[in-house]
């Protein structure tokens, strides 16, 4: 499972219809909006990065949306792989480059 956060930009005058379009789309969850700045923070979920990017592109095509920018991405598969790599590592779990930091 992947989850990402997007900042969606809209004209302040179009905030209400943009919020309605986002809600009706079923593509995302709305967490915050700033009417004066024309900014909406949403999260999207997908089985992989490709599905998330498809949702982001669909959001950008919604009425009154000027654009969407990826702010944060989390991939459960990538985290699991990193945890396995650390667990399988022999010796100190601290990378050499960080030992003298």
C-alpha atoms as a PDB file:
ATOM      1  CA  UNK A   1       0.000   0.000   0.000  1.00  0.00           C
ATOM      2  CA  UNK A   2       1.224   3.469  -0.893  1.00  0.00           C
ATOM      3  CA  UNK A   3      -0.053   6.740   0.510  1.00  0.00           C
ATOM      4  CA  UNK A   4       0.911  10.200  -0.660  1.00  0.00           C
ATOM      5  CA  UNK A   5       0.051  13.770   0.190  1.00  0.00           C
ATOM      6  CA  UNK A   6      -0.648  16.386  -2.469  1.00  0.00           C
ATOM      7  CA  UNK A   7      -1.071  20.137  -2.414  1.00  0.00           C
ATOM      8  CA  UNK A   8      -3.821  21.057  -4.845  1.00  0.00           C
ATOM      9  CA  UNK A   9      -3.956  24.653  -6.122  1.00  0.00           C
ATOM     10  CA  UNK A  10      -7.189  26.402  -7.074  1.00  0.00           C
ATOM     11  CA  UNK A  11      -8.221  30.000  -7.569  1.00  0.00           C
ATOM     12  CA  UNK A  12      -9.534  31.290  -4.228  1.00  0.00           C
ATOM     13  CA  UNK A  13     -12.790  32.331  -5.890  1.00  0.00           C
ATOM     14  CA  UNK A  14     -13.288  28.701  -7.012  1.00  0.00           C
ATOM     15  CA  UNK A  15     -12.546  27.047  -3.666  1.00  0.00           C
ATOM     16  CA  UNK A  16     -16.096  25.792  -2.972  1.00  0.00           C
ATOM     17  CA  UNK A  17     -16.698  24.154  -6.360  1.00  0.00           C
ATOM     18  CA  UNK A  18     -13.158  22.729  -6.330  1.00  0.00           C
ATOM     19  CA  UNK A  19     -13.728  21.170  -2.900  1.00  0.00           C
ATOM     20  CA  UNK A  20     -16.995  19.673  -4.148  1.00  0.00           C
ATOM     21  CA  UNK A  21     -15.259  18.236  -7.231  1.00  0.00           C
ATOM     22  CA  UNK A  22     -12.522  16.720  -5.051  1.00  0.00           C
ATOM     23  CA  UNK A  23     -15.080  15.219  -2.642  1.00  0.00           C
ATOM     24  CA  UNK A  24     -17.228  13.746  -5.438  1.00  0.00           C
ATOM     25  CA  UNK A  25     -14.215  12.337  -7.306  1.00  0.00           C
ATOM     26  CA  UNK A  26     -13.549   9.551  -4.791  1.00  0.00           C
ATOM     27  CA  UNK A  27      -9.842   9.940  -5.603  1.00  0.00           C
ATOM     28  CA  UNK A  28      -8.647  11.484  -2.356  1.00  0.00           C
ATOM     29  CA  UNK A  29      -9.304  12.506   1.229  1.00  0.00           C
ATOM     30  CA  UNK A  30      -9.319  16.229   1.990  1.00  0.00           C
ATOM     31  CA  UNK A  31      -7.475  17.231   5.160  1.00  0.00           C
ATOM     32  CA  UNK A  32      -7.047  21.010   5.008  1.00  0.00           C
ATOM     33  CA  UNK A  33      -7.834  23.972   2.807  1.00  0.00           C
ATOM     34  CA  UNK A  34      -6.908  27.638   2.849  1.00  0.00           C
ATOM     35  CA  UNK A  35      -9.430  29.725   0.936  1.00  0.00           C
ATOM     36  CA  UNK A  36      -7.260  32.828   0.777  1.00  0.00           C
ATOM     37  CA  UNK A  37      -4.263  30.995  -0.687  1.00  0.00           C
ATOM     38  CA  UNK A  38      -6.268  28.617  -2.875  1.00  0.00           C
ATOM     39  CA  UNK A  39      -4.556  25.581  -1.371  1.00  0.00           C
ATOM     40  CA  UNK A  40      -6.032  22.181  -0.538  1.00  0.00           C
ATOM     41  CA  UNK A  41      -4.086  19.362   1.155  1.00  0.00           C
ATOM     42  CA  UNK A  42      -5.248  15.861   0.224  1.00  0.00           C
ATOM     43  CA  UNK A  43      -4.015  12.293   0.524  1.00  0.00           C
ATOM     44  CA  UNK A  44      -4.273   9.575  -2.083  1.00  0.00           C
ATOM     45  CA  UNK A  45      -3.776   5.820  -1.737  1.00  0.00           C
ATOM     46  CA  UNK A  46      -2.832   3.157  -4.224  1.00  0.00           C
ATOM     47  CA  UNK A  47      -1.505  -0.357  -4.545  1.00  0.00           C
ATOM     48  CA  UNK A  48       1.636   1.074  -6.190  1.00  0.00           C
ATOM     49  CA  UNK A  49       3.209   4.312  -7.421  1.00  0.00           C
ATOM     50  CA  UNK A  50       1.573   3.957 -10.829  1.00  0.00           C
ATOM     51  CA  UNK A  51      -1.924   3.930  -9.340  1.00  0.00           C
ATOM     52  CA  UNK A  52      -1.093   6.987  -7.236  1.00  0.00           C
ATOM     53  CA  UNK A  53       0.230   8.876 -10.253  1.00  0.00           C
ATOM     54  CA  UNK A  54      -2.942   8.020 -12.190  1.00  0.00           C
ATOM     55  CA  UNK A  55      -4.988   9.493  -9.320  1.00  0.00           C
ATOM     56  CA  UNK A  56      -2.814  12.609  -9.212  1.00  0.00           C
ATOM     57  CA  UNK A  57      -3.273  13.149 -12.974  1.00  0.00           C
ATOM     58  CA  UNK A  58      -7.039  12.643 -12.597  1.00  0.00           C
ATOM     59  CA  UNK A  59      -7.135  15.210  -9.773  1.00  0.00           C
ATOM     60  CA  UNK A  60      -5.300  17.717 -11.970  1.00  0.00           C
ATOM     61  CA  UNK A  61      -8.074  17.307 -14.587  1.00  0.00           C
ATOM     62  CA  UNK A  62     -10.923  18.020 -12.155  1.00  0.00           C
ATOM     63  CA  UNK A  63     -12.921  21.240 -12.637  1.00  0.00           C
ATOM     64  CA  UNK A  64     -11.356  24.321 -11.009  1.00  0.00           C
ATOM     65  CA  UNK A  65      -8.057  22.547 -10.204  1.00  0.00           C
ATOM     66  CA  UNK A  66      -5.033  24.463 -11.461  1.00  0.00           C
ATOM     67  CA  UNK A  67      -2.490  21.797 -10.504  1.00  0.00           C
ATOM     68  CA  UNK A  68      -1.368  19.283  -7.913  1.00  0.00           C
ATOM     69  CA  UNK A  69       2.087  18.763  -6.411  1.00  0.00           C
ATOM     70  CA  UNK A  70       3.344  15.671  -4.607  1.00  0.00           C
ATOM     71  CA  UNK A  71       4.555  16.615  -1.116  1.00  0.00           C
ATOM     72  CA  UNK A  72       4.999  13.312   0.712  1.00  0.00           C
ATOM     73  CA  UNK A  73       5.032   9.667  -0.349  1.00  0.00           C
ATOM     74  CA  UNK A  74       5.066   6.489   1.729  1.00  0.00           C
ATOM     75  CA  UNK A  75       5.541   3.023   0.286  1.00  0.00           C
ATOM     76  CA  UNK A  76       4.920   0.061   2.560  1.00  0.00           C
ATOM     77  CA  UNK A  77       6.903  -2.222   0.228  1.00  0.00           C
ATOM     78  CA  UNK A  78       9.937   0.082   0.276  1.00  0.00           C
ATOM     79  CA  UNK A  79       9.816   0.326   4.065  1.00  0.00           C
ATOM     80  CA  UNK A  80       9.569  -3.467   4.408  1.00  0.00           C
ATOM     81  CA  UNK A  81      12.567  -3.906   2.084  1.00  0.00           C
ATOM     82  CA  UNK A  82      14.625  -1.385   4.083  1.00  0.00           C
ATOM     83  CA  UNK A  83      13.739  -3.090   7.369  1.00  0.00           C
ATOM     84  CA  UNK A  84      14.761  -6.481   5.935  1.00  0.00           C
ATOM     85  CA  UNK A  85      18.054  -5.042   4.664  1.00  0.00           C
ATOM     86  CA  UNK A  86      18.867  -3.602   8.096  1.00  0.00           C
ATOM     87  CA  UNK A  87      17.870  -6.825   9.855  1.00  0.00           C
ATOM     88  CA  UNK A  88      20.064  -8.920   7.546  1.00  0.00           C
ATOM     89  CA  UNK A  89      23.068  -6.633   7.893  1.00  0.00           C
ATOM     90  CA  UNK A  90      25.971  -8.093   9.851  1.00  0.00           C
ATOM     91  CA  UNK A  91      27.859  -5.980  12.333  1.00  0.00           C
ATOM     92  CA  UNK A  92      26.735  -2.551  13.447  1.00  0.00           C
ATOM     93  CA  UNK A  93      23.344  -1.323  12.187  1.00  0.00           C
ATOM     94  CA  UNK A  94      24.860   2.187  11.902  1.00  0.00           C
ATOM     95  CA  UNK A  95      26.191   2.894   8.392  1.00  0.00           C
ATOM     96  CA  UNK A  96      29.923   3.669   8.249  1.00  0.00           C
ATOM     97  CA  UNK A  97      29.295   7.184   6.954  1.00  0.00           C
ATOM     98  CA  UNK A  98      27.260   8.075  10.040  1.00  0.00           C
ATOM     99  CA  UNK A  99      29.611   6.700  12.711  1.00  0.00           C
ATOM    100  CA  UNK A 100      31.751   9.842  12.859  1.00  0.00           C
ATOM    101  CA  UNK A 101      28.909  12.313  12.356  1.00  0.00           C
END
